[in-house]
């Protein structure tokens, strides 16, 4: 609570007192506070703890999820909220709060967190504004973003590791792909960014690890023996606050997370690739304008090169997209170019064929006649076939020893889709349903799967 950071993550082991931290900060140091859980039904625990802390110093309006506190001569408002579905964060647009608290931060999407905290401010002179996030290590790939956001403390590969409680400053700037990206800077001073109208003011972050041993009440209750009896990796996550151990996959997850991690461990820089290996395929997932990205994945046999990512603003039409594809082809090589032709990709395919490139129209809606490796199961459509074949190739026992670039966003995309067993075969989750569930388009995963997929016959897009 005494940290001077603008954004604090207090997390790790279970039982460290994370929820009480949020309620205590809101009830003693801030005027207007909003504390979130991902789902409304998950607010029950916060309500019960707030009743214990606030009942003698304030009143609660259950309809508005609002506590009004006046115990120290200062009027304080503490509200509870939820963002269960992608897009629910829009309901909080423009709602000025000097304190935002997130209970179980790994349950939230990064887009939700960044959007809501954009209104972290106060018009009261001298009132501090800040964000505190609390939570345990992520139990699925959708929560991995917190490791990247607090990388100096949580990512062992980060080049400049930070100590618990140490302040680091970050500014949001546009990267080489014209996307907003975090840049660590030396201190709190404003920085000048070419092309920006105003200087950028960095915000400070820190991480403080929670331990069960910090909580004498739970220690006396014997709670440690409960955590010690949990199965791994949950035991290490909840008892030791270990952010790097494995997590539990959804039972219907198409590609197991551990398989992708093993493929990423096999990866090595391109300079060590056999010089005789030629570029086999480019997987091209096209975007035109908007917030999605165009992603190109080069594949050299079983080795996948680092993906080339371009914001939609750089691909306003088919000609611009095609030029990026051409730029990705080394001189003298003629790879297969697998282009997603649903939507804007059809124009890029037509232009590619007209330019004499070895392009293939990849239509995920087409009927599949393939079988899985056992020969027993079919697929409802081409998309399901491509994703399942990627799964089989990543199988550590029976697969092809694929080597994938160690990109956390690629990991999250490849492990996001789920599947169902239908009468006519395996059906992988519709893209629209997936986007609604995870709050983003899995562009990197789609492009990677396209690079691995068996090319269809070149066909005219007017037949699709």
Protein backbone atom coordinates (compact mmCIF):
# COMPACT_ATOMS: atom_id res chain seq x y z
CA UNK A 1 0.00 0.00 0.00
CA UNK A 2 2.97 2.33 0.57
CA UNK A 3 4.42 1.70 -2.88
CA UNK A 4 4.81 4.84 -4.96
CA UNK A 5 4.15 2.99 -8.22
CA UNK A 6 1.30 4.11 -10.46
CA UNK A 7 0.45 0.47 -11.17
CA UNK A 8 1.11 -2.24 -8.58
CA UNK A 9 0.72 -5.98 -9.02
CA UNK A 10 0.52 -7.81 -5.68
CA UNK A 11 0.37 -11.47 -6.51
CA UNK A 12 1.61 -14.98 -6.21
CA UNK A 13 0.67 -17.44 -3.50
CA UNK A 14 -2.87 -17.93 -2.25
CA UNK A 15 -3.79 -16.47 1.13
CA UNK A 16 -1.55 -13.41 1.06
CA UNK A 17 -4.41 -10.98 1.71
CA UNK A 18 -4.82 -9.62 -1.81
CA UNK A 19 -8.52 -8.75 -1.62
CA UNK A 20 -8.08 -7.04 1.74
CA UNK A 21 -5.30 -4.93 0.19
CA UNK A 22 -7.71 -3.63 -2.47
CA UNK A 23 -10.43 -2.86 0.08
CA UNK A 24 -7.95 -1.30 2.50
CA UNK A 25 -6.43 1.01 -0.11
CA UNK A 26 -9.85 2.08 -1.35
CA UNK A 27 -11.16 2.67 2.17
CA UNK A 28 -8.25 4.69 3.51
CA UNK A 29 -6.35 6.41 0.68
CA UNK A 30 -8.78 7.16 -2.15
CA UNK A 31 -11.97 9.14 -2.79
CA UNK A 32 -13.47 7.36 -5.78
CA UNK A 33 -12.65 3.67 -6.15
CA UNK A 34 -13.82 0.92 -8.47
CA UNK A 35 -12.88 -2.69 -7.70
CA UNK A 36 -13.44 -5.39 -10.33
CA UNK A 37 -13.90 -9.12 -10.52
CA UNK A 38 -14.33 -10.66 -13.97
CA UNK A 39 -17.87 -11.97 -13.28
CA UNK A 40 -20.61 -10.52 -11.08
CA UNK A 41 -21.13 -13.85 -9.33
CA UNK A 42 -17.48 -13.69 -8.23
CA UNK A 43 -18.12 -10.47 -6.31
CA UNK A 44 -19.65 -12.36 -3.39
CA UNK A 45 -16.30 -12.85 -1.67
CA UNK A 46 -15.46 -9.14 -1.99
CA UNK A 47 -18.88 -8.18 -0.61
CA UNK A 48 -18.38 -10.41 2.43
CA UNK A 49 -14.91 -9.03 3.16
CA UNK A 50 -16.12 -5.46 2.61
CA UNK A 51 -18.90 -6.06 5.12
CA UNK A 52 -16.30 -7.06 7.71
CA UNK A 53 -14.12 -4.02 6.99
CA UNK A 54 -16.66 -1.31 6.27
CA UNK A 55 -19.84 -2.11 8.24
CA UNK A 56 -18.98 0.21 11.15
CA UNK A 57 -17.81 3.10 8.99
CA UNK A 58 -20.21 3.29 6.08
CA UNK A 59 -23.40 2.24 4.31
CA UNK A 60 -23.90 -0.11 1.37
CA UNK A 61 -26.28 0.29 -1.57
CA UNK A 62 -26.71 -3.22 -2.94
CA UNK A 63 -28.45 -2.10 -6.13
CA UNK A 64 -25.53 0.10 -7.10
CA UNK A 65 -22.80 -2.09 -5.54
CA UNK A 66 -21.65 1.05 -3.74
CA UNK A 67 -20.21 1.71 -0.30
CA UNK A 68 -20.20 5.28 1.06
CA UNK A 69 -17.58 5.79 3.79
CA UNK A 70 -17.14 8.84 6.06
CA UNK A 71 -15.11 7.42 8.95
CA UNK A 72 -12.20 9.89 8.86
CA UNK A 73 -14.03 13.04 7.81
CA UNK A 74 -13.39 12.29 4.14
CA UNK A 75 -16.19 11.19 1.85
CA UNK A 76 -15.16 8.01 0.03
CA UNK A 77 -17.03 5.95 -2.55
CA UNK A 78 -16.11 2.32 -3.19
CA UNK A 79 -17.93 0.59 -6.06
CA UNK A 80 -17.76 -3.01 -7.25
CA UNK A 81 -17.98 -3.94 -10.93
CA UNK A 82 -17.48 -6.76 -13.42
CA UNK A 83 -16.54 -7.23 -17.07
CA UNK A 84 -17.71 -10.74 -17.82
CA UNK A 85 -17.84 -10.50 -21.62
CA UNK A 86 -15.48 -8.85 -24.11
CA UNK A 87 -16.82 -5.35 -24.69
CA UNK A 88 -18.31 -4.97 -21.19
CA UNK A 89 -15.47 -2.56 -20.43
CA UNK A 90 -17.19 -0.01 -22.67
CA UNK A 91 -19.77 0.55 -19.93
CA UNK A 92 -17.04 2.16 -17.79
CA UNK A 93 -15.80 4.58 -20.45
CA UNK A 94 -15.17 8.06 -19.07
CA UNK A 95 -15.91 7.11 -15.45
CA UNK A 96 -13.21 8.98 -13.56
CA UNK A 97 -11.76 7.02 -10.64
CA UNK A 98 -8.63 7.79 -8.64
CA UNK A 99 -8.33 4.10 -7.73
CA UNK A 100 -8.88 0.98 -9.80
CA UNK A 101 -8.53 -2.42 -8.19
CA UNK A 102 -8.52 -5.73 -10.06
CA UNK A 103 -9.07 -8.90 -8.06
CA UNK A 104 -7.62 -11.95 -9.87
CA UNK A 105 -6.08 -9.88 -12.66
CA UNK A 106 -5.21 -12.94 -14.78
CA UNK A 107 -8.93 -13.53 -15.36
CA UNK A 108 -9.20 -10.23 -17.26
CA UNK A 109 -8.22 -9.51 -20.84
CA UNK A 110 -5.36 -7.10 -21.36
CA UNK A 111 -7.59 -4.93 -23.55
CA UNK A 112 -10.11 -4.61 -20.71
CA UNK A 113 -7.41 -3.65 -18.22
CA UNK A 114 -5.83 -1.04 -20.48
CA UNK A 115 -9.16 0.45 -21.57
CA UNK A 116 -10.63 0.94 -18.10
CA UNK A 117 -7.48 2.29 -16.48
CA UNK A 118 -7.33 4.99 -19.14
CA UNK A 119 -9.67 6.98 -16.87
CA UNK A 120 -7.49 6.69 -13.76
CA UNK A 121 -7.46 10.33 -12.65
CA UNK A 122 -8.80 12.81 -10.09
CA UNK A 123 -9.87 16.44 -10.16
CA UNK A 124 -9.30 16.80 -6.40
CA UNK A 125 -6.03 18.65 -5.65
CA UNK A 126 -3.53 16.41 -3.91
CA UNK A 127 -5.48 13.19 -4.45
CA UNK A 128 -3.26 10.40 -5.69
CA UNK A 129 -4.40 8.24 -8.63
CA UNK A 130 -3.23 4.66 -9.04
CA UNK A 131 -4.05 1.06 -9.97
CA UNK A 132 -3.56 -2.08 -7.88
CA UNK A 133 -3.93 -5.50 -9.46
CA UNK A 134 -4.01 -8.64 -7.34
CA UNK A 135 -3.97 -12.26 -8.33
CA UNK A 136 -2.43 -15.70 -8.46
CA UNK A 137 -0.31 -17.00 -11.36
CA UNK A 138 -2.29 -17.59 -14.58
CA UNK A 139 -3.86 -21.02 -14.95
CA UNK A 140 -4.39 -20.75 -18.72
CA UNK A 141 -2.74 -19.07 -21.69
CA UNK A 142 -5.29 -16.25 -21.75
CA UNK A 143 -3.76 -14.87 -18.56
CA UNK A 144 -0.17 -14.93 -19.83
CA UNK A 145 -0.33 -11.26 -20.74
CA UNK A 146 0.41 -10.31 -17.12
CA UNK A 147 3.86 -11.93 -17.43
CA UNK A 148 4.64 -9.72 -20.40
CA UNK A 149 3.12 -6.60 -18.80
CA UNK A 150 5.20 -7.09 -15.62
CA UNK A 151 8.09 -8.74 -17.47
CA UNK A 152 10.99 -7.23 -15.42
CA UNK A 153 9.71 -9.14 -12.38
CA UNK A 154 8.01 -12.21 -13.88
CA UNK A 155 9.81 -13.14 -17.11
CA UNK A 156 13.17 -14.80 -16.41
CA UNK A 157 14.31 -13.99 -19.95
CA UNK A 158 13.82 -10.23 -19.51
CA UNK A 159 17.22 -8.56 -20.08
CA UNK A 160 16.92 -6.13 -17.13
CA UNK A 161 15.30 -8.01 -14.23
CA UNK A 162 13.79 -6.01 -11.36
CA UNK A 163 13.51 -6.70 -7.64
CA UNK A 164 10.17 -6.93 -5.85
CA UNK A 165 8.92 -3.43 -5.11
CA UNK A 166 11.40 -1.75 -7.46
CA UNK A 167 9.85 0.94 -9.65
CA UNK A 168 10.21 0.78 -13.42
CA UNK A 169 8.79 3.32 -15.87
CA UNK A 170 7.02 2.53 -19.14
CA UNK A 171 5.72 4.67 -21.97
CA UNK A 172 3.27 3.60 -24.66
CA UNK A 173 4.63 4.31 -28.12
CA UNK A 174 4.06 3.03 -31.64
CA UNK A 175 6.38 0.19 -32.60
CA UNK A 176 7.79 -0.53 -36.07
CA UNK A 177 4.48 -2.16 -36.99
CA UNK A 178 2.57 1.03 -36.02
CA UNK A 179 1.02 -0.74 -33.02
CA UNK A 180 0.96 0.66 -29.51
CA UNK A 181 3.70 -1.01 -27.50
CA UNK A 182 5.28 -0.62 -24.05
CA UNK A 183 8.77 0.86 -23.93
CA UNK A 184 10.75 0.80 -20.70
CA UNK A 185 12.45 4.15 -20.09
CA UNK A 186 15.02 5.32 -17.56
CA UNK A 187 12.76 7.36 -15.32
CA UNK A 188 9.62 9.46 -14.87
CA UNK A 189 10.64 12.35 -17.10
CA UNK A 190 8.63 13.14 -20.23
CA UNK A 191 10.00 11.73 -23.47
CA UNK A 192 9.66 13.12 -26.96
CA UNK A 193 8.49 10.73 -29.66
CA UNK A 194 8.87 11.71 -33.34
CA UNK A 195 5.45 12.29 -34.87
CA UNK A 196 3.69 12.70 -31.50
CA UNK A 197 2.08 16.09 -30.85
CA UNK A 198 2.74 16.06 -27.09
CA UNK A 199 5.55 14.65 -24.92
CA UNK A 200 4.78 11.19 -23.54
CA UNK A 201 4.70 10.87 -19.75
CA UNK A 202 5.74 7.41 -18.52
CA UNK A 203 3.90 5.61 -15.71
CA UNK A 204 5.62 3.52 -13.08
CA UNK A 205 4.94 -0.15 -12.37
CA UNK A 206 6.05 -2.63 -9.76
CA UNK A 207 5.39 -6.17 -8.63
CA UNK A 208 5.36 -7.38 -5.02
CA UNK A 209 5.15 -11.11 -4.44
CA UNK A 210 2.53 -12.46 -2.05
CA UNK A 211 3.31 -15.36 0.29
CA UNK A 212 1.02 -17.35 2.54
CA UNK A 213 3.59 -16.89 5.33
CA UNK A 214 2.75 -13.15 5.27
CA UNK A 215 -0.69 -13.97 6.67
CA UNK A 216 -0.53 -15.03 10.33
CA UNK A 217 -4.26 -15.76 10.45
CA UNK A 218 -4.19 -18.31 7.62
CA UNK A 219 -0.89 -19.76 8.87
CA UNK A 220 -2.45 -20.42 12.27
CA UNK A 221 -5.49 -22.03 10.63
CA UNK A 222 -3.45 -24.76 8.94
CA UNK A 223 -4.16 -23.48 5.42
CA UNK A 224 -0.60 -24.29 4.33
CA UNK A 225 -1.31 -28.03 4.64
CA UNK A 226 -4.28 -27.56 2.30
CA UNK A 227 -2.09 -25.92 -0.36
CA UNK A 228 0.61 -28.55 0.12
CA UNK A 229 -1.96 -31.22 -0.73
CA UNK A 230 -2.84 -29.71 -4.12
CA UNK A 231 -1.72 -31.46 -7.33
CA UNK A 232 1.04 -29.94 -9.43
CA UNK A 233 1.32 -27.45 -11.05
CA UNK A 234 -1.44 -25.86 -8.94
CA UNK A 235 0.56 -26.61 -5.78
CA UNK A 236 3.56 -24.56 -6.95
CA UNK A 237 1.33 -21.76 -8.22
CA UNK A 238 -0.76 -21.37 -5.07
CA UNK A 239 1.82 -22.30 -2.43
CA UNK A 240 4.91 -20.63 -3.87
CA UNK A 241 3.38 -18.11 -6.28
CA UNK A 242 5.35 -19.58 -9.17
CA UNK A 243 4.41 -17.79 -12.41
CA UNK A 244 6.49 -19.98 -14.70
CA UNK A 245 5.11 -23.46 -14.02
CA UNK A 246 2.58 -25.08 -16.32
CA UNK A 247 -1.11 -24.42 -16.19
CA UNK A 248 -4.22 -26.47 -16.66
CA UNK A 249 -5.51 -26.59 -20.22
CA UNK A 250 -9.19 -26.60 -21.09
CA UNK A 251 -10.25 -30.23 -21.72
CA UNK A 252 -11.36 -29.30 -25.26
CA UNK A 253 -8.31 -27.21 -26.13
CA UNK A 254 -7.17 -28.11 -29.65
CA UNK A 255 -3.42 -27.76 -29.07
CA UNK A 256 -2.00 -28.46 -25.59
CA UNK A 257 0.06 -25.59 -24.22
CA UNK A 258 2.99 -27.82 -23.29
CA UNK A 259 3.30 -28.99 -26.90
CA UNK A 260 3.67 -25.41 -28.13
CA UNK A 261 6.20 -24.61 -25.40
CA UNK A 262 8.28 -27.62 -26.41
CA UNK A 263 8.21 -26.49 -30.05
CA UNK A 264 9.32 -23.01 -28.99
CA UNK A 265 12.21 -24.50 -27.00
CA UNK A 266 13.36 -26.26 -30.19
CA UNK A 267 13.55 -22.97 -32.08
CA UNK A 268 16.88 -21.34 -32.95
CA UNK A 269 17.81 -18.13 -34.83
CA UNK A 270 17.77 -18.19 -38.60
CA UNK A 271 21.55 -17.79 -38.83
CA UNK A 272 21.85 -21.42 -37.64
CA UNK A 273 19.39 -22.76 -40.23
CA UNK A 274 20.87 -25.12 -42.82
CA UNK A 275 21.73 -22.90 -45.80
CA UNK A 276 20.41 -25.58 -48.15
CA UNK A 277 16.93 -25.34 -46.63
CA UNK A 278 14.59 -23.40 -48.90
CA UNK A 279 11.49 -21.41 -48.02
CA UNK A 280 8.61 -23.86 -48.42
CA UNK A 281 5.52 -21.84 -47.56
CA UNK A 282 4.23 -18.45 -46.51
CA UNK A 283 1.07 -18.47 -44.38
CA UNK A 284 -0.76 -15.20 -45.02
CA UNK A 285 -3.58 -13.96 -42.78
CA UNK A 286 -4.79 -10.71 -44.35
CA UNK A 287 -6.20 -7.65 -42.57
CA UNK A 288 -7.45 -4.47 -44.16
CA UNK A 289 -7.67 -1.48 -41.88
CA UNK A 290 -9.16 -1.85 -38.41
CA UNK A 291 -7.45 -3.16 -35.28
CA UNK A 292 -6.49 -6.60 -36.65
CA UNK A 293 -3.03 -7.26 -38.03
CA UNK A 294 -1.83 -8.82 -41.26
CA UNK A 295 0.54 -11.65 -40.36
CA UNK A 296 2.94 -13.53 -42.63
CA UNK A 297 4.59 -16.73 -41.36
CA UNK A 298 7.54 -18.13 -43.34
CA UNK A 299 8.09 -21.91 -42.99
CA UNK A 300 11.31 -23.70 -43.88
CA UNK A 301 10.46 -27.39 -43.56
CA UNK A 302 9.78 -27.97 -39.87
CA UNK A 303 11.36 -24.63 -38.83
CA UNK A 304 9.15 -21.53 -38.68
CA UNK A 305 10.73 -18.12 -39.03
CA UNK A 306 9.74 -15.13 -36.89
CA UNK A 307 6.40 -13.79 -38.03
CA UNK A 308 6.08 -10.56 -39.97
CA UNK A 309 3.28 -8.45 -38.48
CA UNK A 310 1.70 -5.36 -40.00
CA UNK A 311 -1.18 -3.28 -38.57
CA UNK A 312 -4.32 -2.99 -40.67
CA UNK A 313 -3.48 0.67 -41.30
CA UNK A 314 -0.56 -0.47 -43.48
CA UNK A 315 -2.75 -2.73 -45.64
CA UNK A 316 -5.53 -0.47 -46.92
CA UNK A 317 -5.96 -2.47 -50.14
CA UNK A 318 -4.94 -5.65 -51.91
CA UNK A 319 -1.96 -4.04 -53.64
CA UNK A 320 -0.38 -2.96 -50.35
CA UNK A 321 -0.92 -6.42 -48.88
CA UNK A 322 0.56 -8.15 -51.92
CA UNK A 323 3.67 -5.96 -51.75
CA UNK A 324 4.28 -7.12 -48.17
CA UNK A 325 3.97 -10.74 -49.35
CA UNK A 326 6.45 -10.14 -52.18
CA UNK A 327 8.88 -8.46 -49.77
CA UNK A 328 8.82 -11.61 -47.58
CA UNK A 329 10.11 -13.87 -50.40
CA UNK A 330 13.91 -14.21 -50.65
CA UNK A 331 15.31 -13.53 -54.07
CA UNK A 332 15.30 -16.56 -56.34
CA UNK A 333 12.83 -18.61 -54.28
CA UNK A 334 9.29 -19.66 -55.22
CA UNK A 335 7.42 -20.83 -52.13
CA UNK A 336 3.81 -21.85 -51.84
CA UNK A 337 1.78 -18.87 -50.61
CA UNK A 338 -1.24 -19.96 -48.60
CA UNK A 339 -3.63 -17.02 -48.43
CA UNK A 340 -6.78 -16.91 -46.31
CA UNK A 341 -9.35 -15.92 -48.92
CA UNK A 342 -12.33 -15.35 -46.61
CA UNK A 343 -13.08 -11.63 -46.76
CA UNK A 344 -10.35 -9.22 -47.82
CA UNK A 345 -7.85 -11.99 -48.62
CA UNK A 346 -9.63 -12.89 -51.85
CA UNK A 347 -8.37 -9.73 -53.57
CA UNK A 348 -4.80 -10.46 -52.47
CA UNK A 349 -5.05 -13.99 -53.87
CA UNK A 350 -6.37 -12.73 -57.22
CA UNK A 351 -3.51 -10.23 -57.47
CA UNK A 352 -0.96 -12.86 -56.44
CA UNK A 353 -2.15 -15.29 -59.13
CA UNK A 354 -2.20 -12.50 -61.68
CA UNK A 355 1.41 -11.70 -60.76
CA UNK A 356 2.51 -15.28 -61.42
CA UNK A 357 3.13 -16.18 -57.78
CA UNK A 358 2.58 -19.75 -56.57
CA UNK A 359 -0.48 -18.75 -54.54
CA UNK A 360 -3.17 -21.01 -53.07
CA UNK A 361 -6.65 -19.99 -51.97
CA UNK A 362 -7.20 -21.25 -48.42
CA UNK A 363 -10.92 -21.28 -47.68
CA UNK A 364 -11.56 -22.55 -44.14
CA UNK A 365 -15.26 -23.10 -44.94
CA UNK A 366 -14.66 -25.78 -47.55
CA UNK A 367 -15.53 -29.41 -46.90
CA UNK A 368 -12.65 -31.58 -45.72
CA UNK A 369 -12.13 -35.14 -46.97
CA UNK A 370 -9.06 -35.76 -44.80
CA UNK A 371 -8.81 -38.05 -41.77
CA UNK A 372 -6.89 -37.71 -38.55
CA UNK A 373 -3.66 -39.67 -38.03
CA UNK A 374 -5.59 -42.67 -36.68
CA UNK A 375 -7.78 -42.79 -39.78
CA UNK A 376 -10.87 -42.99 -37.58
CA UNK A 377 -11.99 -39.36 -37.50
CA UNK A 378 -12.86 -36.86 -40.17
CA UNK A 379 -13.31 -33.11 -40.05
CA UNK A 380 -16.34 -30.87 -40.49
CA UNK A 381 -14.43 -28.46 -42.72
CA UNK A 382 -10.98 -27.37 -43.82
CA UNK A 383 -10.35 -25.14 -40.80
CA UNK A 384 -10.79 -28.08 -38.45
CA UNK A 385 -8.48 -30.20 -40.61
CA UNK A 386 -5.72 -27.56 -40.64
CA UNK A 387 -5.79 -26.93 -36.90
CA UNK A 388 -5.91 -30.65 -36.05
CA UNK A 389 -3.04 -31.42 -38.40
CA UNK A 390 -1.05 -28.69 -36.61
CA UNK A 391 -1.90 -30.40 -33.33
CA UNK A 392 -0.68 -33.76 -34.65
CA UNK A 393 2.55 -32.22 -35.96
CA UNK A 394 3.23 -30.71 -32.51
CA UNK A 395 2.64 -33.99 -30.69
CA UNK A 396 5.93 -34.57 -28.79
CA UNK A 397 5.73 -38.34 -29.29
CA UNK A 398 4.31 -38.79 -32.79
CA UNK A 399 4.75 -35.35 -34.34
CA UNK A 400 7.26 -33.72 -36.67
CA UNK A 401 9.46 -31.83 -34.15
CA UNK A 402 8.28 -28.44 -35.36
CA UNK A 403 10.29 -25.44 -34.19
CA UNK A 404 8.20 -22.33 -33.49
CA UNK A 405 9.44 -18.83 -32.61
CA UNK A 406 9.23 -18.15 -28.84
CA UNK A 407 6.52 -15.51 -29.00
CA UNK A 408 4.03 -15.38 -26.10
CA UNK A 409 1.28 -13.98 -28.33
CA UNK A 410 1.75 -16.85 -30.79
CA UNK A 411 1.57 -19.25 -27.84
CA UNK A 412 -1.67 -17.66 -26.65
CA UNK A 413 -3.20 -17.76 -30.15
CA UNK A 414 -2.29 -21.39 -30.84
CA UNK A 415 -3.69 -22.54 -27.50
CA UNK A 416 -6.90 -20.51 -27.63
CA UNK A 417 -9.24 -22.55 -29.94
CA UNK A 418 -11.37 -25.40 -28.63
CA UNK A 419 -13.08 -28.26 -30.42
CA UNK A 420 -16.16 -30.47 -30.32
CA UNK A 421 -16.82 -33.96 -31.63
CA UNK A 422 -19.68 -33.94 -34.15
CA UNK A 423 -21.32 -36.78 -36.05
CA UNK A 424 -19.40 -35.78 -39.17
CA UNK A 425 -16.06 -35.33 -37.40
CA UNK A 426 -13.94 -32.88 -35.43
CA UNK A 427 -15.16 -29.29 -35.39
CA UNK A 428 -12.80 -26.52 -34.29
CA UNK A 429 -14.36 -23.40 -32.77
CA UNK A 430 -15.67 -20.75 -35.18
CA UNK A 431 -13.42 -17.71 -35.40
CA UNK A 432 -16.26 -15.31 -34.48
CA UNK A 433 -17.03 -17.38 -31.37
CA UNK A 434 -13.36 -17.46 -30.45
CA UNK A 435 -13.00 -13.68 -30.83
CA UNK A 436 -16.09 -13.15 -28.66
CA UNK A 437 -14.58 -15.41 -25.97
CA UNK A 438 -11.00 -14.11 -25.85
CA UNK A 439 -11.55 -10.54 -27.04
CA UNK A 440 -9.09 -10.50 -29.95
CA UNK A 441 -8.47 -12.01 -33.36
CA UNK A 442 -5.87 -14.84 -33.20
CA UNK A 443 -4.01 -13.52 -36.25
CA UNK A 444 -0.63 -14.98 -35.34
CA UNK A 445 -2.05 -18.42 -34.71
CA UNK A 446 -4.09 -18.41 -37.93
CA UNK A 447 -1.08 -17.41 -40.01
CA UNK A 448 1.09 -20.10 -38.42
CA UNK A 449 -1.52 -22.79 -39.10
CA UNK A 450 -1.86 -21.58 -42.70
CA UNK A 451 1.91 -21.92 -43.15
CA UNK A 452 1.69 -25.53 -42.02
CA UNK A 453 -1.50 -26.46 -43.86
CA UNK A 454 -1.47 -28.56 -47.00
CA UNK A 455 -2.19 -26.20 -49.84
CA UNK A 456 -5.46 -26.52 -51.71
CA UNK A 457 -5.57 -26.45 -55.49
CA UNK A 458 -5.25 -22.93 -56.89
CA UNK A 459 -8.81 -21.83 -57.66
CA UNK A 460 -10.48 -18.66 -58.79
CA UNK A 461 -11.88 -16.71 -55.86
CA UNK A 462 -15.10 -15.92 -57.73
CA UNK A 463 -16.02 -19.56 -57.17
CA UNK A 464 -15.79 -19.26 -53.35
